[in-house]
Amino acid sequence: MSSGDEHETSGGYGGTGQTRTRYPQTAGDVYGGARRGGRSSSRSLVTVVGVVVLLIAAIAFANRGGNDSSSNDTTASGGSKPDASSTTASGTKPVETKAGGIPSGFAQNGQGAQSAAANYSIALGSTDMFNTAKRHEIVNTVFASDVAASRQQALDTAYSSASFLSNIGLSKDGTAPAGQTFISRVVPVGTKVTASSTGTTTVAVWYTSLFGLSGGNSTNPVSESWYTTTYELKWLDNDWKVTDFQQKDGPVPVGRDQRASTADDMTKAVEEFGGFTYAR
């Protein structure tokens, strides 16, 4: 494989950032049909991926009237770093209840807040966000009741945009074309508490995101991106709820030169490997 050009991403939803996209040197399709193109096609793909992954965060910024992204770098009081064991298994029994299909009933402590933030990242980055009924359920489950309505309205406007859906290869109802599988999955790598006070906790979630269409004639092959989202959580109704969040690029690891899998392998992997409930 060879490394593609590193481009600046810009758009009404995602702001700016840089993403490195890798394409295989070997002949054949990438995830079912997309071929390596020139600089313009690479830029288009990077822009589309950036728009989708950053969509929710951009809406949050818009609702607040804009914020300095440097606020994402907030650290715990005194600038202390998380303990080396902060993301290792603790032996604490994972939550066993769900609300709207999302794990719930997290402990009222730092560990519970981190587990909540990781699970909420998974839900907000899932394909269910492209289905109106499921999106409403996610929003009402994840967000505090006093901000859920405004978030839902903004998200409905964004996700129902015909041009937006067309750009990422989906139909007007948010479904993939026949013979293709739409993939949108967030995989948390680590979490840390960056601030805490009575009834509120701020948690940063570092994760990788898979996004694209796998299958015959796909023009948006599944690609990988890395982000950190910082959630402001409040203890309400015996659980953690999101009141606001911000997102930034990275940290991004160096990609290895591995051959891209076939469309069939990628589709099977997503269908056969289920997600996790993140609690430790």
C-alpha atoms as a PDB file:
ATOM      1  CA  MET A   1       0.000   0.000   0.000  1.00  0.00           C
ATOM      2  CA  SER A   2       1.022   3.577  -0.358  1.00  0.00           C
ATOM      3  CA  SER A   3       0.085   6.643   1.564  1.00  0.00           C
ATOM      4  CA  GLY A   4      -2.255   9.107  -0.111  1.00  0.00           C
ATOM      5  CA  ASP A   5      -1.883  12.846   0.072  1.00  0.00           C
ATOM      6  CA  GLU A   6      -2.766  14.509   3.314  1.00  0.00           C
ATOM      7  CA  HIS A   7      -5.464  17.069   2.672  1.00  0.00           C
ATOM      8  CA  GLU A   8      -7.221  19.763   4.581  1.00  0.00           C
ATOM      9  CA  THR A   9     -10.872  18.976   5.186  1.00  0.00           C
ATOM     10  CA  SER A  10     -13.395  21.761   5.165  1.00  0.00           C
ATOM     11  CA  GLY A  11     -17.145  21.917   5.082  1.00  0.00           C
ATOM     12  CA  GLY A  12     -20.275  23.324   6.645  1.00  0.00           C
ATOM     13  CA  TYR A  13     -20.588  20.427   9.057  1.00  0.00           C
ATOM     14  CA  GLY A  14     -17.133  19.357   9.979  1.00  0.00           C
ATOM     15  CA  GLY A  15     -14.922  22.403  10.227  1.00  0.00           C
ATOM     16  CA  THR A  16     -11.314  21.798   9.328  1.00  0.00           C
ATOM     17  CA  GLY A  17      -8.901  18.992   9.943  1.00  0.00           C
ATOM     18  CA  GLN A  18      -6.586  16.584   8.197  1.00  0.00           C
ATOM     19  CA  THR A  19      -7.061  12.936   7.372  1.00  0.00           C
ATOM     20  CA  ARG A  20      -4.664  10.563   5.673  1.00  0.00           C
ATOM     21  CA  THR A  21      -6.370   8.123   3.333  1.00  0.00           C
ATOM     22  CA  ARG A  22      -4.554   4.974   2.185  1.00  0.00           C
ATOM     23  CA  TYR A  23      -5.266   3.038  -1.000  1.00  0.00           C
ATOM     24  CA  PRO A  24      -3.841  -0.322  -2.093  1.00  0.00           C
ATOM     25  CA  GLN A  25      -1.304  -0.525  -4.894  1.00  0.00           C
ATOM     26  CA  THR A  26      -2.644  -3.865  -6.029  1.00  0.00           C
ATOM     27  CA  ALA A  27      -5.110  -4.038  -8.870  1.00  0.00           C
ATOM     28  CA  GLY A  28      -8.771  -4.571  -8.084  1.00  0.00           C
ATOM     29  CA  ASP A  29     -11.594  -2.897  -6.239  1.00  0.00           C
ATOM     30  CA  VAL A  30     -11.422  -1.385  -2.784  1.00  0.00           C
ATOM     31  CA  TYR A  31     -14.434  -2.537  -0.753  1.00  0.00           C
ATOM     32  CA  GLY A  32     -16.372  -3.314  -3.874  1.00  0.00           C
ATOM     33  CA  GLY A  33     -15.714  -0.961  -6.753  1.00  0.00           C
ATOM     34  CA  ALA A  34     -13.957   2.255  -5.811  1.00  0.00           C
ATOM     35  CA  ARG A  35     -10.738   2.756  -7.741  1.00  0.00           C
ATOM     36  CA  ARG A  36      -7.828   4.939  -6.896  1.00  0.00           C
ATOM     37  CA  GLY A  37      -8.436   8.286  -8.522  1.00  0.00           C
ATOM     38  CA  GLY A  38      -6.643  11.573  -8.797  1.00  0.00           C
ATOM     39  CA  ARG A  39      -6.206  14.251  -6.198  1.00  0.00           C
ATOM     40  CA  SER A  40      -9.721  15.617  -6.611  1.00  0.00           C
ATOM     41  CA  SER A  41     -11.483  12.303  -5.964  1.00  0.00           C
ATOM     42  CA  SER A  42      -9.283  11.667  -2.929  1.00  0.00           C
ATOM     43  CA  ARG A  43     -10.141  15.105  -1.578  1.00  0.00           C
ATOM     44  CA  SER A  44     -13.848  14.411  -2.132  1.00  0.00           C
ATOM     45  CA  LEU A  45     -13.740  11.143  -0.197  1.00  0.00           C
ATOM     46  CA  VAL A  46     -11.835  12.690   2.692  1.00  0.00           C
ATOM     47  CA  THR A  47     -14.310  15.579   2.828  1.00  0.00           C
ATOM     48  CA  VAL A  48     -17.335  13.276   2.904  1.00  0.00           C
ATOM     49  CA  VAL A  49     -15.887  11.132   5.691  1.00  0.00           C
ATOM     50  CA  GLY A  50     -14.922  14.206   7.690  1.00  0.00           C
ATOM     51  CA  VAL A  51     -18.389  15.689   7.272  1.00  0.00           C
ATOM     52  CA  VAL A  52     -20.138  12.610   8.627  1.00  0.00           C
ATOM     53  CA  VAL A  53     -17.818  11.878  11.532  1.00  0.00           C
ATOM     54  CA  LEU A  54     -17.829  15.510  12.638  1.00  0.00           C
ATOM     55  CA  LEU A  55     -21.511  16.147  11.933  1.00  0.00           C
ATOM     56  CA  ILE A  56     -22.857  15.741  15.442  1.00  0.00           C
ATOM     57  CA  ALA A  57     -20.062  17.746  17.023  1.00  0.00           C
ATOM     58  CA  ALA A  58     -20.532  20.557  14.511  1.00  0.00           C
ATOM     59  CA  ILE A  59     -24.212  20.788  15.419  1.00  0.00           C
ATOM     60  CA  ALA A  60     -23.295  20.994  19.076  1.00  0.00           C
ATOM     61  CA  PHE A  61     -20.954  23.881  18.309  1.00  0.00           C
ATOM     62  CA  ALA A  62     -23.613  25.639  16.248  1.00  0.00           C
ATOM     63  CA  ASN A  63     -26.177  25.368  19.027  1.00  0.00           C
ATOM     64  CA  ARG A  64     -23.739  26.941  21.456  1.00  0.00           C
ATOM     65  CA  GLY A  65     -22.747  29.691  19.074  1.00  0.00           C
ATOM     66  CA  GLY A  66     -19.192  28.425  18.594  1.00  0.00           C
ATOM     67  CA  ASN A  67     -16.345  27.504  20.900  1.00  0.00           C
ATOM     68  CA  ASP A  68     -12.596  27.453  20.875  1.00  0.00           C
ATOM     69  CA  SER A  69     -11.501  23.879  20.158  1.00  0.00           C
ATOM     70  CA  SER A  70      -8.665  24.330  22.618  1.00  0.00           C
ATOM     71  CA  SER A  71     -11.202  23.727  25.361  1.00  0.00           C
ATOM     72  CA  ASN A  72     -11.006  20.067  24.397  1.00  0.00           C
ATOM     73  CA  ASP A  73      -7.560  19.939  25.898  1.00  0.00           C
ATOM     74  CA  THR A  74      -8.867  20.414  29.420  1.00  0.00           C
ATOM     75  CA  THR A  75      -6.970  18.260  31.894  1.00  0.00           C
ATOM     76  CA  ALA A  76      -7.707  17.228  35.442  1.00  0.00           C
ATOM     77  CA  SER A  77      -6.927  19.708  38.179  1.00  0.00           C
ATOM     78  CA  GLY A  78      -3.215  20.197  38.603  1.00  0.00           C
ATOM     79  CA  GLY A  79      -2.507  18.803  35.148  1.00  0.00           C
ATOM     80  CA  SER A  80      -2.240  15.257  36.502  1.00  0.00           C
ATOM     81  CA  LYS A  81      -2.167  12.424  33.999  1.00  0.00           C
ATOM     82  CA  PRO A  82      -4.507   9.425  34.192  1.00  0.00           C
ATOM     83  CA  ASP A  83      -3.134   6.433  36.037  1.00  0.00           C
ATOM     84  CA  ALA A  84      -1.659   3.693  33.830  1.00  0.00           C
ATOM     85  CA  SER A  85      -4.457   1.366  34.923  1.00  0.00           C
ATOM     86  CA  SER A  86      -7.258   3.847  34.263  1.00  0.00           C
ATOM     87  CA  THR A  87      -8.593   1.899  31.282  1.00  0.00           C
ATOM     88  CA  THR A  88      -7.839  -1.624  32.427  1.00  0.00           C
ATOM     89  CA  ALA A  89     -10.438  -4.062  33.738  1.00  0.00           C
ATOM     90  CA  SER A  90     -11.439  -3.248  37.310  1.00  0.00           C
ATOM     91  CA  GLY A  91     -13.529  -6.294  38.113  1.00  0.00           C
ATOM     92  CA  THR A  92     -16.624  -4.139  38.478  1.00  0.00           C
ATOM     93  CA  LYS A  93     -19.670  -5.902  37.078  1.00  0.00           C
ATOM     94  CA  PRO A  94     -20.829  -4.310  33.797  1.00  0.00           C
ATOM     95  CA  VAL A  95     -24.267  -2.702  33.664  1.00  0.00           C
ATOM     96  CA  GLU A  96     -27.085  -5.075  32.808  1.00  0.00           C
ATOM     97  CA  THR A  97     -29.877  -2.672  31.887  1.00  0.00           C
ATOM     98  CA  LYS A  98     -30.584  -0.782  28.677  1.00  0.00           C
ATOM     99  CA  ALA A  99     -32.608   2.275  27.720  1.00  0.00           C
ATOM    100  CA  GLY A 100     -33.463   2.675  24.054  1.00  0.00           C
ATOM    101  CA  GLY A 101     -31.081  -0.172  23.266  1.00  0.00           C
ATOM    102  CA  ILE A 102     -28.183   1.678  24.929  1.00  0.00           C
ATOM    103  CA  PRO A 103     -26.532   0.437  28.151  1.00  0.00           C
ATOM    104  CA  SER A 104     -27.746   2.421  31.159  1.00  0.00           C
ATOM    105  CA  GLY A 105     -27.640   2.509  34.935  1.00  0.00           C
ATOM    106  CA  PHE A 106     -23.993   3.512  35.238  1.00  0.00           C
ATOM    107  CA  ALA A 107     -22.349   4.044  38.602  1.00  0.00           C
ATOM    108  CA  GLN A 108     -22.259   7.551  40.042  1.00  0.00           C
ATOM    109  CA  ASN A 109     -18.485   7.791  39.974  1.00  0.00           C
ATOM    110  CA  GLY A 110     -15.660   8.481  37.532  1.00  0.00           C
ATOM    111  CA  GLN A 111     -15.588   4.939  36.225  1.00  0.00           C
ATOM    112  CA  GLY A 112     -19.334   4.955  35.588  1.00  0.00           C
ATOM    113  CA  ALA A 113     -19.085   8.292  33.784  1.00  0.00           C
ATOM    114  CA  GLN A 114     -16.329   6.956  31.528  1.00  0.00           C
ATOM    115  CA  SER A 115     -18.370   3.864  30.696  1.00  0.00           C
ATOM    116  CA  ALA A 116     -21.393   6.033  29.906  1.00  0.00           C
ATOM    117  CA  ALA A 117     -19.380   8.324  27.624  1.00  0.00           C
ATOM    118  CA  ALA A 118     -17.870   5.377  25.731  1.00  0.00           C
ATOM    119  CA  ASN A 119     -21.284   3.792  25.161  1.00  0.00           C
ATOM    120  CA  TYR A 120     -22.822   7.095  24.111  1.00  0.00           C
ATOM    121  CA  SER A 121     -20.024   7.569  21.564  1.00  0.00           C
ATOM    122  CA  ILE A 122     -20.911   4.212  20.039  1.00  0.00           C
ATOM    123  CA  ALA A 123     -24.601   5.095  19.779  1.00  0.00           C
ATOM    124  CA  LEU A 124     -24.041   8.575  18.336  1.00  0.00           C
ATOM    125  CA  GLY A 125     -21.654   7.188  15.724  1.00  0.00           C
ATOM    126  CA  SER A 126     -23.824   4.250  14.641  1.00  0.00           C
ATOM    127  CA  THR A 127     -25.886   3.624  11.515  1.00  0.00           C
ATOM    128  CA  ASP A 128     -29.007   3.984  13.685  1.00  0.00           C
ATOM    129  CA  MET A 129     -28.462   7.734  13.578  1.00  0.00           C
ATOM    130  CA  PHE A 130     -29.525   7.624   9.918  1.00  0.00           C
ATOM    131  CA  ASN A 131     -32.943   6.207  10.829  1.00  0.00           C
ATOM    132  CA  THR A 132     -35.382   8.840  12.105  1.00  0.00           C
ATOM    133  CA  ALA A 133     -37.145   6.745  14.750  1.00  0.00           C
ATOM    134  CA  LYS A 134     -33.922   5.209  16.075  1.00  0.00           C
ATOM    135  CA  ARG A 135     -32.166   8.579  16.047  1.00  0.00           C
ATOM    136  CA  HIS A 136     -34.915  10.094  18.207  1.00  0.00           C
ATOM    137  CA  GLU A 137     -34.594   7.212  20.638  1.00  0.00           C
ATOM    138  CA  ILE A 138     -30.832   7.650  20.887  1.00  0.00           C
ATOM    139  CA  VAL A 139     -31.066  11.407  21.410  1.00  0.00           C
ATOM    140  CA  ASN A 140     -33.740  11.102  24.106  1.00  0.00           C
ATOM    141  CA  THR A 141     -31.699   8.412  25.869  1.00  0.00           C
ATOM    142  CA  VAL A 142     -28.257  10.019  25.717  1.00  0.00           C
ATOM    143  CA  PHE A 143     -28.969  13.721  26.220  1.00  0.00           C
ATOM    144  CA  ALA A 144     -30.331  15.517  29.247  1.00  0.00           C
ATOM    145  CA  SER A 145     -34.029  16.277  28.812  1.00  0.00           C
ATOM    146  CA  ASP A 146     -33.510  20.052  28.730  1.00  0.00           C
ATOM    147  CA  VAL A 147     -31.212  19.851  25.683  1.00  0.00           C
ATOM    148  CA  ALA A 148     -32.599  16.773  23.883  1.00  0.00           C
ATOM    149  CA  ALA A 149     -35.285  18.674  21.960  1.00  0.00           C
ATOM    150  CA  SER A 150     -32.884  21.171  20.410  1.00  0.00           C
ATOM    151  CA  ARG A 151     -30.368  18.450  19.578  1.00  0.00           C
ATOM    152  CA  GLN A 152     -33.060  16.324  17.956  1.00  0.00           C
ATOM    153  CA  GLN A 153     -34.296  19.165  15.774  1.00  0.00           C
ATOM    154  CA  ALA A 154     -30.794  20.039  14.597  1.00  0.00           C
ATOM    155  CA  LEU A 155     -29.918  16.409  13.901  1.00  0.00           C
ATOM    156  CA  ASP A 156     -33.169  15.810  12.005  1.00  0.00           C
ATOM    157  CA  THR A 157     -32.380  18.740   9.738  1.00  0.00           C
ATOM    158  CA  ALA A 158     -28.868  17.488   9.061  1.00  0.00           C
ATOM    159  CA  TYR A 159     -29.654  13.817   8.564  1.00  0.00           C
ATOM    160  CA  SER A 160     -32.662  14.477   6.321  1.00  0.00           C
ATOM    161  CA  SER A 161     -30.664  16.604   3.876  1.00  0.00           C
ATOM    162  CA  ALA A 162     -30.994  14.992   0.443  1.00  0.00           C
ATOM    163  CA  SER A 163     -27.672  16.401  -0.745  1.00  0.00           C
ATOM    164  CA  PHE A 164     -25.879  15.186   2.363  1.00  0.00           C
ATOM    165  CA  LEU A 165     -27.271  11.660   2.042  1.00  0.00           C
ATOM    166  CA  SER A 166     -26.526  11.610  -1.677  1.00  0.00           C
ATOM    167  CA  ASN A 167     -22.918  12.654  -1.098  1.00  0.00           C
ATOM    168  CA  ILE A 168     -22.302   9.656   1.149  1.00  0.00           C
ATOM    169  CA  GLY A 169     -24.114   7.286  -1.216  1.00  0.00           C
ATOM    170  CA  LEU A 170     -27.353   6.754   0.721  1.00  0.00           C
ATOM    171  CA  SER A 171     -30.958   7.046  -0.416  1.00  0.00           C
ATOM    172  CA  LYS A 172     -33.348   9.713   0.880  1.00  0.00           C
ATOM    173  CA  ASP A 173     -34.453   7.434   3.708  1.00  0.00           C
ATOM    174  CA  GLY A 174     -30.859   6.816   4.819  1.00  0.00           C
ATOM    175  CA  THR A 175     -30.520   3.286   3.436  1.00  0.00           C
ATOM    176  CA  ALA A 176     -27.679   1.850   1.366  1.00  0.00           C
ATOM    177  CA  PRO A 177     -28.079   0.957  -2.336  1.00  0.00           C
ATOM    178  CA  ALA A 178     -28.971  -2.633  -3.194  1.00  0.00           C
ATOM    179  CA  GLY A 179     -25.958  -4.921  -2.886  1.00  0.00           C
ATOM    180  CA  GLN A 180     -24.066  -2.561  -0.551  1.00  0.00           C
ATOM    181  CA  THR A 181     -23.689  -2.392   3.216  1.00  0.00           C
ATOM    182  CA  PHE A 182     -23.521   0.927   5.039  1.00  0.00           C
ATOM    183  CA  ILE A 183     -20.931   0.911   7.804  1.00  0.00           C
ATOM    184  CA  SER A 184     -20.688   3.498  10.554  1.00  0.00           C
ATOM    185  CA  ARG A 185     -19.057   2.291  13.747  1.00  0.00           C
ATOM    186  CA  VAL A 186     -17.183   3.956  16.586  1.00  0.00           C
ATOM    187  CA  VAL A 187     -14.643   1.879  18.517  1.00  0.00           C
ATOM    188  CA  PRO A 188     -13.461   3.508  21.772  1.00  0.00           C
ATOM    189  CA  VAL A 189      -9.764   3.021  22.527  1.00  0.00           C
ATOM    190  CA  GLY A 190      -9.573   4.774  25.886  1.00  0.00           C
ATOM    191  CA  THR A 191     -11.292   7.232  28.217  1.00  0.00           C
ATOM    192  CA  LYS A 192     -10.261   9.651  30.941  1.00  0.00           C
ATOM    193  CA  VAL A 193     -11.951  12.038  33.371  1.00  0.00           C
ATOM    194  CA  THR A 194     -10.715  15.568  32.717  1.00  0.00           C
ATOM    195  CA  ALA A 195     -12.832  17.432  35.263  1.00  0.00           C
ATOM    196  CA  SER A 196     -15.252  16.560  38.041  1.00  0.00           C
ATOM    197  CA  SER A 197     -17.494  18.276  40.573  1.00  0.00           C
ATOM    198  CA  THR A 198     -20.640  17.399  42.479  1.00  0.00           C
ATOM    199  CA  GLY A 199     -23.145  15.973  40.002  1.00  0.00           C
ATOM    200  CA  THR A 200     -21.083  16.731  36.880  1.00  0.00           C
ATOM    201  CA  THR A 201     -18.141  15.058  35.182  1.00  0.00           C
ATOM    202  CA  THR A 202     -16.236  15.742  31.983  1.00  0.00           C
ATOM    203  CA  VAL A 203     -14.947  12.681  30.120  1.00  0.00           C
ATOM    204  CA  ALA A 204     -12.727  12.499  27.028  1.00  0.00           C
ATOM    205  CA  VAL A 205     -13.156   9.467  24.740  1.00  0.00           C
ATOM    206  CA  TRP A 206     -10.426   8.574  22.241  1.00  0.00           C
ATOM    207  CA  TYR A 207     -11.758   6.386  19.447  1.00  0.00           C
ATOM    208  CA  THR A 208     -11.401   5.180  15.896  1.00  0.00           C
ATOM    209  CA  SER A 209     -14.282   5.429  13.458  1.00  0.00           C
ATOM    210  CA  LEU A 210     -15.118   3.199  10.483  1.00  0.00           C
ATOM    211  CA  PHE A 211     -17.320   4.759   7.830  1.00  0.00           C
ATOM    212  CA  GLY A 212     -18.349   4.014   4.252  1.00  0.00           C
ATOM    213  CA  LEU A 213     -20.165   1.669   1.886  1.00  0.00           C
ATOM    214  CA  SER A 214     -19.015  -1.893   1.324  1.00  0.00           C
ATOM    215  CA  GLY A 215     -20.249  -3.820  -1.699  1.00  0.00           C
ATOM    216  CA  GLY A 216     -20.463  -3.845  -5.462  1.00  0.00           C
ATOM    217  CA  ASN A 217     -19.844  -0.523  -7.203  1.00  0.00           C
ATOM    218  CA  SER A 218     -19.276   1.374  -3.959  1.00  0.00           C
ATOM    219  CA  THR A 219     -17.793   4.817  -4.576  1.00  0.00           C
ATOM    220  CA  ASN A 220     -17.238   5.511  -0.864  1.00  0.00           C
ATOM    221  CA  PRO A 221     -15.136   2.597   0.463  1.00  0.00           C
ATOM    222  CA  VAL A 222     -14.923   2.049   4.203  1.00  0.00           C
ATOM    223  CA  SER A 223     -12.173   4.179   5.725  1.00  0.00           C
ATOM    224  CA  GLU A 224     -10.754   4.761   9.184  1.00  0.00           C
ATOM    225  CA  SER A 225     -10.440   8.018  11.148  1.00  0.00           C
ATOM    226  CA  TRP A 226      -9.343   8.930  14.671  1.00  0.00           C
ATOM    227  CA  TYR A 227     -10.925  11.465  17.024  1.00  0.00           C
ATOM    228  CA  THR A 228     -11.309  12.503  20.641  1.00  0.00           C
ATOM    229  CA  THR A 229     -14.713  13.661  21.871  1.00  0.00           C
ATOM    230  CA  THR A 230     -15.057  15.351  25.242  1.00  0.00           C
ATOM    231  CA  TYR A 231     -18.458  14.946  26.910  1.00  0.00           C
ATOM    232  CA  GLU A 232     -19.937  17.099  29.646  1.00  0.00           C
ATOM    233  CA  LEU A 233     -22.069  14.746  31.739  1.00  0.00           C
ATOM    234  CA  LYS A 234     -24.616  15.501  34.458  1.00  0.00           C
ATOM    235  CA  TRP A 235     -26.101  13.069  36.965  1.00  0.00           C
ATOM    236  CA  LEU A 236     -29.852  13.069  36.276  1.00  0.00           C
ATOM    237  CA  ASP A 237     -32.550  10.493  37.028  1.00  0.00           C
ATOM    238  CA  ASN A 238     -29.986   8.071  38.473  1.00  0.00           C
ATOM    239  CA  ASP A 239     -27.772   8.029  35.391  1.00  0.00           C
ATOM    240  CA  TRP A 240     -25.250  10.109  33.444  1.00  0.00           C
ATOM    241  CA  LYS A 241     -26.669  12.316  30.681  1.00  0.00           C
ATOM    242  CA  VAL A 242     -24.874  14.422  28.060  1.00  0.00           C
ATOM    243  CA  THR A 243     -25.343  18.175  28.323  1.00  0.00           C
ATOM    244  CA  ASP A 244     -22.727  19.156  25.738  1.00  0.00           C
ATOM    245  CA  PHE A 245     -19.715  17.808  23.870  1.00  0.00           C
ATOM    246  CA  GLN A 246     -16.814  18.877  21.686  1.00  0.00           C
ATOM    247  CA  GLN A 247     -14.624  17.018  19.211  1.00  0.00           C
ATOM    248  CA  LYS A 248     -11.123  17.241  17.801  1.00  0.00           C
ATOM    249  CA  ASP A 249      -8.953  15.174  15.456  1.00  0.00           C
ATOM    250  CA  GLY A 250      -6.624  12.462  16.736  1.00  0.00           C
ATOM    251  CA  PRO A 251      -4.377  11.348  18.224  1.00  0.00           C
ATOM    252  CA  VAL A 252      -3.792   9.527  14.919  1.00  0.00           C
ATOM    253  CA  PRO A 253      -1.392   6.550  14.820  1.00  0.00           C
ATOM    254  CA  VAL A 254       0.879   5.804  11.886  1.00  0.00           C
ATOM    255  CA  GLY A 255      -0.936   3.446   9.512  1.00  0.00           C
ATOM    256  CA  ARG A 256       0.683   0.148   8.559  1.00  0.00           C
ATOM    257  CA  ASP A 257       1.000  -0.914   4.941  1.00  0.00           C
ATOM    258  CA  GLN A 258      -1.670  -3.576   4.969  1.00  0.00           C
ATOM    259  CA  ARG A 259      -3.674  -4.644   1.955  1.00  0.00           C
ATOM    260  CA  ALA A 260      -7.298  -3.532   2.096  1.00  0.00           C
ATOM    261  CA  SER A 261      -9.779  -6.374   2.549  1.00  0.00           C
ATOM    262  CA  THR A 262     -12.365  -7.275  -0.064  1.00  0.00           C
ATOM    263  CA  ALA A 263     -15.916  -5.937   0.085  1.00  0.00           C
ATOM    264  CA  ASP A 264     -17.195  -9.376   1.125  1.00  0.00           C
ATOM    265  CA  ASP A 265     -14.681  -9.678   3.957  1.00  0.00           C
ATOM    266  CA  MET A 266     -15.456  -6.188   5.239  1.00  0.00           C
ATOM    267  CA  THR A 267     -19.218  -6.741   5.093  1.00  0.00           C
ATOM    268  CA  LYS A 268     -18.959 -10.111   6.852  1.00  0.00           C
ATOM    269  CA  ALA A 269     -16.747  -8.651   9.565  1.00  0.00           C
ATOM    270  CA  VAL A 270     -19.205  -5.894  10.397  1.00  0.00           C
ATOM    271  CA  GLU A 271     -22.149  -8.289  10.360  1.00  0.00           C
ATOM    272  CA  GLU A 272     -20.457 -11.065  12.354  1.00  0.00           C
ATOM    273  CA  PHE A 273     -18.438  -9.076  14.895  1.00  0.00           C
ATOM    274  CA  GLY A 274     -20.847  -7.379  17.284  1.00  0.00           C
ATOM    275  CA  GLY A 275     -20.096  -4.335  19.372  1.00  0.00           C
ATOM    276  CA  PHE A 276     -19.271  -4.262  23.083  1.00  0.00           C
ATOM    277  CA  THR A 277     -20.839  -2.844  26.196  1.00  0.00           C
ATOM    278  CA  TYR A 278     -18.085  -0.660  27.594  1.00  0.00           C
ATOM    279  CA  ALA A 279     -17.996  -0.910  31.367  1.00  0.00           C
ATOM    280  CA  ARG A 280     -15.024  -1.784  33.546  1.00  0.00           C
END
